[in-house]
N, C-alpha and C. Protein backbone atom coordinates (compact mmCIF):
# COMPACT_ATOMS: atom_id res chain seq x y z
N MET A 1 -65.28 -16.30 37.15
CA MET A 1 -65.69 -15.03 36.60
C MET A 1 -65.50 -15.06 35.09
N LYS A 2 -66.45 -14.51 34.37
CA LYS A 2 -66.34 -14.36 32.92
C LYS A 2 -65.69 -13.01 32.63
N ILE A 3 -64.58 -13.06 31.90
CA ILE A 3 -63.80 -11.86 31.60
C ILE A 3 -63.76 -11.69 30.08
N GLY A 4 -64.10 -10.50 29.60
CA GLY A 4 -64.10 -10.23 28.17
C GLY A 4 -62.87 -9.44 27.76
N TYR A 5 -62.35 -9.77 26.57
CA TYR A 5 -61.25 -9.01 26.00
C TYR A 5 -61.66 -8.50 24.63
N ILE A 6 -61.45 -7.21 24.43
CA ILE A 6 -61.82 -6.52 23.19
C ILE A 6 -60.56 -5.88 22.62
N ARG A 7 -60.41 -5.96 21.29
CA ARG A 7 -59.32 -5.25 20.64
C ARG A 7 -59.81 -4.70 19.31
N VAL A 8 -59.53 -3.43 19.10
CA VAL A 8 -59.70 -2.82 17.78
C VAL A 8 -58.33 -2.29 17.38
N SER A 9 -58.08 -2.21 16.08
CA SER A 9 -56.74 -1.88 15.61
C SER A 9 -56.36 -0.41 15.75
N THR A 10 -57.35 0.48 15.72
CA THR A 10 -57.04 1.91 15.78
C THR A 10 -57.99 2.62 16.73
N GLN A 11 -57.61 3.83 17.12
CA GLN A 11 -58.45 4.65 17.99
C GLN A 11 -59.79 4.97 17.33
N GLU A 12 -59.80 5.03 16.00
CA GLU A 12 -61.02 5.43 15.28
C GLU A 12 -62.03 4.30 15.15
N GLN A 13 -61.59 3.06 15.28
CA GLN A 13 -62.51 1.95 15.10
C GLN A 13 -63.48 1.85 16.28
N ASN A 14 -64.68 1.37 15.97
CA ASN A 14 -65.73 1.27 16.98
C ASN A 14 -65.75 -0.12 17.59
N GLU A 15 -65.69 -0.16 18.90
CA GLU A 15 -65.67 -1.43 19.62
C GLU A 15 -67.07 -1.85 20.08
N GLY A 16 -68.10 -1.09 19.72
CA GLY A 16 -69.46 -1.33 20.21
C GLY A 16 -69.99 -2.72 19.93
N ARG A 17 -69.75 -3.25 18.76
CA ARG A 17 -70.24 -4.58 18.39
C ARG A 17 -69.65 -5.64 19.31
N GLN A 18 -68.34 -5.54 19.58
CA GLN A 18 -67.69 -6.51 20.45
C GLN A 18 -68.22 -6.40 21.89
N ILE A 19 -68.40 -5.17 22.35
CA ILE A 19 -68.92 -4.96 23.72
C ILE A 19 -70.28 -5.61 23.86
N THR A 20 -71.16 -5.39 22.89
CA THR A 20 -72.51 -5.95 22.93
C THR A 20 -72.47 -7.47 22.98
N LEU A 21 -71.67 -8.09 22.11
CA LEU A 21 -71.57 -9.56 22.09
C LEU A 21 -71.08 -10.11 23.42
N LEU A 22 -70.07 -9.47 23.98
CA LEU A 22 -69.50 -9.97 25.23
C LEU A 22 -70.46 -9.76 26.40
N GLU A 23 -71.15 -8.62 26.42
CA GLU A 23 -72.13 -8.39 27.48
C GLU A 23 -73.27 -9.40 27.40
N GLU A 24 -73.69 -9.74 26.17
CA GLU A 24 -74.73 -10.74 25.98
C GLU A 24 -74.26 -12.12 26.44
N SER A 25 -72.95 -12.33 26.47
CA SER A 25 -72.38 -13.61 26.93
C SER A 25 -72.19 -13.65 28.43
N GLY A 26 -72.55 -12.55 29.10
CA GLY A 26 -72.51 -12.52 30.55
C GLY A 26 -71.16 -12.16 31.16
N VAL A 27 -70.28 -11.49 30.41
CA VAL A 27 -69.00 -11.11 30.99
C VAL A 27 -69.21 -10.12 32.13
N GLU A 28 -68.38 -10.26 33.15
CA GLU A 28 -68.49 -9.42 34.34
C GLU A 28 -67.42 -8.33 34.36
N LYS A 29 -66.37 -8.52 33.59
CA LYS A 29 -65.26 -7.57 33.57
C LYS A 29 -64.75 -7.50 32.14
N LEU A 30 -64.50 -6.27 31.65
CA LEU A 30 -64.03 -6.08 30.28
C LEU A 30 -62.65 -5.43 30.26
N TYR A 31 -61.81 -5.90 29.36
CA TYR A 31 -60.51 -5.29 29.07
C TYR A 31 -60.51 -4.92 27.59
N MET A 32 -59.92 -3.77 27.25
CA MET A 32 -59.93 -3.34 25.85
C MET A 32 -58.62 -2.66 25.47
N ASP A 33 -58.07 -3.08 24.33
CA ASP A 33 -56.90 -2.43 23.73
C ASP A 33 -57.31 -1.83 22.41
N LYS A 34 -56.77 -0.66 22.11
CA LYS A 34 -56.99 -0.02 20.82
C LYS A 34 -55.64 0.08 20.12
N GLN A 35 -55.19 -1.07 19.62
CA GLN A 35 -53.94 -1.11 18.87
C GLN A 35 -53.85 -2.41 18.11
N SER A 36 -52.88 -2.49 17.23
CA SER A 36 -52.70 -3.65 16.37
C SER A 36 -52.53 -4.93 17.17
N GLY A 37 -52.95 -6.03 16.57
CA GLY A 37 -52.78 -7.33 17.18
C GLY A 37 -51.55 -8.04 16.66
N LYS A 38 -50.62 -7.29 16.05
CA LYS A 38 -49.44 -7.91 15.44
C LYS A 38 -48.55 -8.62 16.46
N ASN A 39 -48.62 -8.20 17.73
CA ASN A 39 -47.88 -8.92 18.78
C ASN A 39 -48.68 -8.84 20.08
N ALA A 40 -48.18 -9.49 21.11
CA ALA A 40 -48.91 -9.59 22.38
C ALA A 40 -48.56 -8.47 23.35
N GLU A 41 -47.77 -7.51 22.93
CA GLU A 41 -47.35 -6.41 23.80
C GLU A 41 -48.43 -5.32 23.84
N ARG A 42 -49.56 -5.67 24.46
CA ARG A 42 -50.67 -4.74 24.61
C ARG A 42 -51.00 -4.63 26.09
N PRO A 43 -51.13 -3.40 26.61
CA PRO A 43 -51.30 -3.20 28.06
C PRO A 43 -52.47 -3.96 28.67
N GLN A 44 -53.64 -3.87 28.07
CA GLN A 44 -54.81 -4.52 28.65
C GLN A 44 -54.73 -6.04 28.55
N LEU A 45 -54.13 -6.53 27.48
CA LEU A 45 -53.94 -7.98 27.36
C LEU A 45 -53.01 -8.47 28.47
N GLN A 46 -51.93 -7.74 28.71
CA GLN A 46 -51.01 -8.13 29.78
C GLN A 46 -51.71 -8.06 31.14
N ASP A 47 -52.56 -7.04 31.33
CA ASP A 47 -53.32 -6.93 32.58
C ASP A 47 -54.25 -8.13 32.79
N ILE A 48 -54.93 -8.52 31.72
CA ILE A 48 -55.86 -9.64 31.84
C ILE A 48 -55.11 -10.93 32.17
N LEU A 49 -53.93 -11.11 31.56
CA LEU A 49 -53.15 -12.31 31.81
C LEU A 49 -52.60 -12.34 33.24
N SER A 50 -52.37 -11.16 33.81
CA SER A 50 -51.93 -11.09 35.21
C SER A 50 -53.10 -11.30 36.17
N TYR A 51 -54.29 -10.86 35.76
CA TYR A 51 -55.48 -10.89 36.63
C TYR A 51 -56.15 -12.25 36.69
N VAL A 52 -56.18 -12.97 35.57
CA VAL A 52 -56.96 -14.20 35.45
C VAL A 52 -56.58 -15.21 36.54
N ARG A 53 -57.63 -15.85 37.09
CA ARG A 53 -57.46 -16.81 38.18
C ARG A 53 -58.07 -18.15 37.80
N GLU A 54 -57.79 -19.14 38.60
CA GLU A 54 -58.34 -20.48 38.38
C GLU A 54 -59.86 -20.41 38.36
N GLY A 55 -60.44 -21.05 37.34
CA GLY A 55 -61.89 -21.09 37.22
C GLY A 55 -62.47 -19.96 36.36
N ASP A 56 -61.66 -18.92 36.06
CA ASP A 56 -62.14 -17.82 35.21
C ASP A 56 -62.28 -18.30 33.77
N ILE A 57 -63.10 -17.58 33.04
CA ILE A 57 -63.29 -17.85 31.61
C ILE A 57 -63.02 -16.56 30.86
N ILE A 58 -62.07 -16.60 29.94
CA ILE A 58 -61.78 -15.43 29.10
C ILE A 58 -62.53 -15.62 27.79
N ILE A 59 -63.33 -14.60 27.44
CA ILE A 59 -64.16 -14.68 26.24
C ILE A 59 -63.78 -13.55 25.29
N VAL A 60 -63.63 -13.90 24.01
CA VAL A 60 -63.37 -12.90 22.96
C VAL A 60 -64.40 -13.09 21.85
N GLU A 61 -64.59 -12.03 21.07
CA GLU A 61 -65.52 -12.10 19.94
C GLU A 61 -64.98 -13.06 18.89
N SER A 62 -63.68 -12.96 18.57
CA SER A 62 -63.03 -13.89 17.65
C SER A 62 -61.56 -13.97 17.99
N ILE A 63 -60.90 -15.05 17.58
CA ILE A 63 -59.49 -15.21 17.94
C ILE A 63 -58.61 -14.13 17.34
N SER A 64 -59.05 -13.52 16.23
CA SER A 64 -58.24 -12.46 15.62
C SER A 64 -58.18 -11.23 16.53
N ARG A 65 -59.11 -11.11 17.46
CA ARG A 65 -59.07 -10.01 18.42
C ARG A 65 -58.00 -10.25 19.48
N LEU A 66 -57.68 -11.52 19.73
CA LEU A 66 -56.69 -11.86 20.74
C LEU A 66 -55.28 -11.85 20.16
N ALA A 67 -55.10 -12.41 18.96
CA ALA A 67 -53.77 -12.47 18.35
C ALA A 67 -53.90 -12.60 16.84
N ARG A 68 -52.87 -12.13 16.14
CA ARG A 68 -52.86 -12.21 14.69
C ARG A 68 -51.81 -13.18 14.16
N ASN A 69 -51.11 -13.85 15.08
CA ASN A 69 -50.20 -14.89 14.60
C ASN A 69 -50.32 -16.11 15.50
N THR A 70 -50.05 -17.25 14.92
CA THR A 70 -50.27 -18.53 15.59
C THR A 70 -49.47 -18.66 16.88
N ARG A 71 -48.19 -18.29 16.83
CA ARG A 71 -47.34 -18.44 18.01
C ARG A 71 -47.86 -17.62 19.18
N ASP A 72 -48.19 -16.33 18.93
CA ASP A 72 -48.71 -15.49 20.01
C ASP A 72 -50.00 -16.07 20.58
N LEU A 73 -50.90 -16.48 19.70
CA LEU A 73 -52.18 -17.01 20.17
C LEU A 73 -51.98 -18.24 21.05
N LEU A 74 -51.17 -19.17 20.57
CA LEU A 74 -50.96 -20.40 21.35
C LEU A 74 -50.24 -20.11 22.67
N ASN A 75 -49.32 -19.14 22.67
CA ASN A 75 -48.65 -18.75 23.92
C ASN A 75 -49.63 -18.13 24.90
N ILE A 76 -50.51 -17.26 24.40
CA ILE A 76 -51.51 -16.61 25.27
C ILE A 76 -52.45 -17.66 25.85
N ILE A 77 -52.90 -18.58 25.01
CA ILE A 77 -53.81 -19.63 25.47
C ILE A 77 -53.11 -20.50 26.52
N GLU A 78 -51.84 -20.77 26.31
CA GLU A 78 -51.08 -21.57 27.28
C GLU A 78 -50.99 -20.85 28.62
N GLN A 79 -50.78 -19.54 28.59
CA GLN A 79 -50.74 -18.76 29.84
C GLN A 79 -52.08 -18.82 30.56
N ILE A 80 -53.16 -18.71 29.79
CA ILE A 80 -54.50 -18.78 30.38
C ILE A 80 -54.71 -20.15 31.02
N LYS A 81 -54.33 -21.20 30.29
CA LYS A 81 -54.48 -22.58 30.78
C LYS A 81 -53.64 -22.80 32.03
N ASP A 82 -52.40 -22.29 32.02
CA ASP A 82 -51.51 -22.45 33.19
C ASP A 82 -52.08 -21.81 34.45
N ARG A 83 -52.91 -20.80 34.27
CA ARG A 83 -53.53 -20.13 35.42
C ARG A 83 -54.82 -20.84 35.86
N GLY A 84 -55.16 -21.93 35.17
CA GLY A 84 -56.36 -22.69 35.54
C GLY A 84 -57.63 -22.10 34.97
N ALA A 85 -57.49 -21.27 33.94
CA ALA A 85 -58.66 -20.62 33.34
C ALA A 85 -58.99 -21.27 31.99
N GLN A 86 -60.10 -20.85 31.44
CA GLN A 86 -60.62 -21.39 30.18
C GLN A 86 -60.72 -20.26 29.17
N PHE A 87 -60.63 -20.58 27.88
CA PHE A 87 -60.74 -19.59 26.81
C PHE A 87 -61.88 -19.97 25.88
N ILE A 88 -62.69 -18.95 25.53
CA ILE A 88 -63.79 -19.16 24.58
C ILE A 88 -63.76 -18.06 23.54
N SER A 89 -63.87 -18.48 22.27
CA SER A 89 -64.02 -17.54 21.16
C SER A 89 -65.42 -17.72 20.60
N LEU A 90 -66.20 -16.65 20.62
CA LEU A 90 -67.61 -16.75 20.22
C LEU A 90 -67.79 -17.02 18.73
N LYS A 91 -67.08 -16.28 17.89
CA LYS A 91 -67.27 -16.39 16.43
C LYS A 91 -66.93 -17.79 15.93
N GLU A 92 -65.81 -18.31 16.36
CA GLU A 92 -65.37 -19.62 15.90
C GLU A 92 -65.94 -20.76 16.74
N ASN A 93 -66.66 -20.42 17.80
CA ASN A 93 -67.26 -21.41 18.70
C ASN A 93 -66.20 -22.37 19.25
N ILE A 94 -65.11 -21.76 19.74
CA ILE A 94 -64.00 -22.54 20.28
C ILE A 94 -64.01 -22.47 21.79
N ASP A 95 -63.93 -23.64 22.39
CA ASP A 95 -63.81 -23.78 23.84
C ASP A 95 -62.59 -24.65 24.07
N THR A 96 -61.55 -24.11 24.71
CA THR A 96 -60.29 -24.84 24.86
C THR A 96 -60.36 -26.00 25.84
N GLU A 97 -61.51 -26.23 26.43
CA GLU A 97 -61.64 -27.37 27.35
C GLU A 97 -61.82 -28.68 26.59
N SER A 98 -62.18 -28.61 25.31
CA SER A 98 -62.39 -29.84 24.54
C SER A 98 -61.20 -30.10 23.61
N VAL A 99 -60.99 -31.36 23.26
CA VAL A 99 -59.91 -31.75 22.35
C VAL A 99 -60.13 -31.11 20.98
N SER A 100 -61.36 -31.16 20.49
CA SER A 100 -61.64 -30.57 19.17
C SER A 100 -61.48 -29.05 19.22
N GLY A 101 -61.80 -28.45 20.36
CA GLY A 101 -61.62 -27.00 20.51
C GLY A 101 -60.16 -26.61 20.41
N LYS A 102 -59.28 -27.40 21.03
CA LYS A 102 -57.84 -27.13 20.96
C LYS A 102 -57.33 -27.27 19.53
N PHE A 103 -57.80 -28.30 18.82
CA PHE A 103 -57.40 -28.48 17.43
C PHE A 103 -57.87 -27.31 16.57
N MET A 104 -59.14 -26.96 16.71
CA MET A 104 -59.70 -25.88 15.90
C MET A 104 -59.01 -24.54 16.20
N LEU A 105 -58.61 -24.35 17.44
CA LEU A 105 -57.89 -23.14 17.82
C LEU A 105 -56.63 -22.99 16.98
N THR A 106 -55.88 -24.07 16.83
CA THR A 106 -54.65 -24.04 16.05
C THR A 106 -54.94 -23.73 14.59
N VAL A 107 -55.98 -24.36 14.04
CA VAL A 107 -56.35 -24.12 12.64
C VAL A 107 -56.75 -22.65 12.43
N PHE A 108 -57.62 -22.15 13.30
CA PHE A 108 -58.07 -20.76 13.16
C PHE A 108 -56.94 -19.77 13.41
N ALA A 109 -56.01 -20.11 14.29
CA ALA A 109 -54.86 -19.24 14.54
C ALA A 109 -54.04 -19.09 13.27
N ALA A 110 -53.83 -20.19 12.57
CA ALA A 110 -53.09 -20.15 11.31
C ALA A 110 -53.84 -19.31 10.28
N MET A 111 -55.16 -19.42 10.26
CA MET A 111 -55.96 -18.63 9.32
C MET A 111 -55.88 -17.13 9.65
N ALA A 112 -55.88 -16.79 10.93
CA ALA A 112 -55.77 -15.38 11.34
C ALA A 112 -54.43 -14.81 10.91
N GLU A 113 -53.38 -15.62 11.06
CA GLU A 113 -52.05 -15.17 10.64
C GLU A 113 -52.00 -14.99 9.12
N LEU A 114 -52.62 -15.90 8.39
CA LEU A 114 -52.69 -15.79 6.94
C LEU A 114 -53.42 -14.51 6.53
N GLU A 115 -54.53 -14.21 7.18
CA GLU A 115 -55.29 -12.99 6.88
C GLU A 115 -54.46 -11.74 7.12
N ARG A 116 -53.71 -11.71 8.22
CA ARG A 116 -52.84 -10.56 8.49
C ARG A 116 -51.82 -10.41 7.36
N GLY A 117 -51.27 -11.52 6.90
CA GLY A 117 -50.33 -11.47 5.78
C GLY A 117 -50.98 -10.91 4.53
N TYR A 118 -52.21 -11.33 4.25
CA TYR A 118 -52.93 -10.81 3.08
C TYR A 118 -53.19 -9.31 3.21
N ILE A 119 -53.55 -8.87 4.41
CA ILE A 119 -53.79 -7.43 4.63
C ILE A 119 -52.53 -6.63 4.32
N LEU A 120 -51.39 -7.07 4.84
CA LEU A 120 -50.13 -6.37 4.60
C LEU A 120 -49.75 -6.40 3.12
N GLU A 121 -49.99 -7.53 2.47
CA GLU A 121 -49.69 -7.66 1.05
C GLU A 121 -50.55 -6.70 0.22
N ARG A 122 -51.85 -6.64 0.51
CA ARG A 122 -52.74 -5.73 -0.21
C ARG A 122 -52.34 -4.28 0.02
N GLN A 123 -51.92 -3.96 1.25
CA GLN A 123 -51.49 -2.60 1.56
C GLN A 123 -50.25 -2.24 0.74
N ARG A 124 -49.27 -3.14 0.69
CA ARG A 124 -48.06 -2.89 -0.11
C ARG A 124 -48.40 -2.71 -1.58
N GLU A 125 -49.28 -3.58 -2.10
CA GLU A 125 -49.69 -3.49 -3.50
C GLU A 125 -50.39 -2.16 -3.79
N GLY A 126 -51.24 -1.73 -2.86
CA GLY A 126 -51.95 -0.46 -3.04
C GLY A 126 -51.00 0.72 -3.06
N ILE A 127 -50.02 0.73 -2.18
CA ILE A 127 -49.04 1.81 -2.14
C ILE A 127 -48.20 1.80 -3.41
N GLU A 128 -47.80 0.60 -3.84
CA GLU A 128 -47.01 0.48 -5.06
C GLU A 128 -47.78 1.00 -6.27
N LEU A 129 -49.05 0.65 -6.38
CA LEU A 129 -49.89 1.12 -7.48
C LEU A 129 -50.04 2.63 -7.43
N ALA A 130 -50.30 3.16 -6.25
CA ALA A 130 -50.44 4.61 -6.10
C ALA A 130 -49.14 5.31 -6.47
N ASN A 131 -48.00 4.72 -6.12
CA ASN A 131 -46.71 5.30 -6.49
C ASN A 131 -46.54 5.36 -8.00
N THR A 132 -46.89 4.27 -8.70
CA THR A 132 -46.73 4.25 -10.16
C THR A 132 -47.67 5.23 -10.84
N GLN A 133 -48.78 5.55 -10.19
CA GLN A 133 -49.74 6.50 -10.75
C GLN A 133 -49.46 7.93 -10.27
N GLY A 134 -48.41 8.09 -9.46
CA GLY A 134 -48.05 9.42 -8.95
C GLY A 134 -49.01 9.95 -7.90
N LYS A 135 -49.76 9.08 -7.27
CA LYS A 135 -50.75 9.51 -6.28
C LYS A 135 -50.25 9.40 -4.84
N TYR A 136 -49.11 8.76 -4.66
CA TYR A 136 -48.60 8.55 -3.31
C TYR A 136 -47.13 8.94 -3.27
N ALA A 137 -46.83 9.89 -2.45
CA ALA A 137 -45.44 10.34 -2.35
C ALA A 137 -44.97 10.30 -0.90
N GLY A 138 -45.65 9.54 -0.10
CA GLY A 138 -45.29 9.46 1.32
C GLY A 138 -45.86 10.63 2.09
N ARG A 139 -45.34 10.82 3.28
CA ARG A 139 -45.81 11.90 4.15
C ARG A 139 -45.42 13.25 3.56
N LYS A 140 -46.32 14.22 3.64
CA LYS A 140 -46.04 15.55 3.11
C LYS A 140 -45.01 16.24 4.00
N PRO A 141 -44.07 16.97 3.39
CA PRO A 141 -43.08 17.67 4.20
C PRO A 141 -43.73 18.81 4.99
N ILE A 142 -43.17 19.07 6.16
CA ILE A 142 -43.66 20.15 7.00
C ILE A 142 -43.07 21.45 6.49
N ASP A 143 -43.92 22.42 6.24
CA ASP A 143 -43.47 23.71 5.74
C ASP A 143 -43.30 24.67 6.93
N PHE A 144 -42.10 25.18 7.12
CA PHE A 144 -41.86 26.12 8.21
C PHE A 144 -40.70 27.04 7.83
N ASP A 145 -40.67 28.20 8.47
CA ASP A 145 -39.52 29.06 8.25
C ASP A 145 -38.59 28.91 9.45
N GLU A 146 -37.31 29.01 9.20
CA GLU A 146 -36.31 28.70 10.21
C GLU A 146 -36.36 29.62 11.43
N GLU A 147 -36.65 30.89 11.23
CA GLU A 147 -36.71 31.83 12.36
C GLU A 147 -37.86 31.48 13.31
N SER A 148 -39.01 31.19 12.75
CA SER A 148 -40.15 30.80 13.58
C SER A 148 -39.86 29.52 14.35
N PHE A 149 -39.19 28.59 13.70
CA PHE A 149 -38.83 27.33 14.34
C PHE A 149 -37.88 27.57 15.51
N LYS A 150 -36.89 28.42 15.32
CA LYS A 150 -35.92 28.72 16.39
C LYS A 150 -36.63 29.37 17.59
N ARG A 151 -37.56 30.31 17.32
CA ARG A 151 -38.32 30.95 18.41
C ARG A 151 -39.16 29.93 19.17
N LEU A 152 -39.81 29.04 18.42
CA LEU A 152 -40.63 28.00 19.02
C LEU A 152 -39.79 27.07 19.91
N CYS A 153 -38.62 26.68 19.42
CA CYS A 153 -37.73 25.82 20.21
C CYS A 153 -37.27 26.52 21.48
N SER A 154 -36.96 27.80 21.38
CA SER A 154 -36.54 28.56 22.57
C SER A 154 -37.66 28.63 23.59
N THR A 155 -38.87 28.84 23.13
CA THR A 155 -40.04 28.90 24.02
C THR A 155 -40.24 27.56 24.72
N TRP A 156 -40.09 26.47 23.95
CA TRP A 156 -40.24 25.13 24.52
C TRP A 156 -39.13 24.84 25.53
N ARG A 157 -37.89 25.18 25.18
CA ARG A 157 -36.76 24.92 26.08
C ARG A 157 -36.86 25.72 27.38
N ALA A 158 -37.54 26.85 27.33
CA ALA A 158 -37.74 27.67 28.53
C ALA A 158 -38.93 27.16 29.36
N TRP A 159 -39.53 26.05 28.93
CA TRP A 159 -40.68 25.43 29.61
C TRP A 159 -41.93 26.32 29.58
N ASP A 160 -41.98 27.24 28.61
CA ASP A 160 -43.17 28.11 28.49
C ASP A 160 -44.33 27.39 27.78
N ILE A 161 -44.01 26.38 27.00
CA ILE A 161 -45.04 25.57 26.33
C ILE A 161 -44.63 24.11 26.40
N THR A 162 -45.60 23.23 26.22
CA THR A 162 -45.33 21.79 26.22
C THR A 162 -44.85 21.37 24.82
N ALA A 163 -44.27 20.19 24.73
CA ALA A 163 -43.85 19.65 23.45
C ALA A 163 -45.05 19.47 22.53
N THR A 164 -46.17 19.05 23.11
CA THR A 164 -47.39 18.86 22.31
C THR A 164 -47.86 20.17 21.72
N ALA A 165 -47.82 21.23 22.52
CA ALA A 165 -48.21 22.55 22.02
C ALA A 165 -47.25 23.02 20.94
N ALA A 166 -45.96 22.72 21.10
CA ALA A 166 -44.98 23.11 20.10
C ALA A 166 -45.24 22.42 18.77
N MET A 167 -45.65 21.16 18.85
CA MET A 167 -45.92 20.42 17.63
C MET A 167 -47.08 21.07 16.88
């Protein structure tokens, strides 16, 4: 069975491009996470690793969708291999069944990790620059009066409203 895995970093990002590519590749089952790839602790990724069987092929749009650091990527690929399955990355044209594919996987994994490092570095630099220009002061404080807050807490503690509604 061809199984597709999709990951976007945030709820707001559009996964349509990845879905189209994987459907064009003939995937029969799709798994999707909407969260950072900084580690492998993603529900749908864990589900796919539990589900995959001998002879299955896991297909991703690019290796950066599967993992953002070399160790996680190689561990995930090893789990796939141990289950008797195959891994294919469309963008990098990597097929782990070949010797050159295994080598290229390691090279591209290192590049994905480097890119994540660059993203974090640029983010830190942007925040630092905004701070020096007085444009970034962190999260805005919540403005509330103490009496209203106490009433709201009492209402919540009495189970008259949910925590989400209280927020």
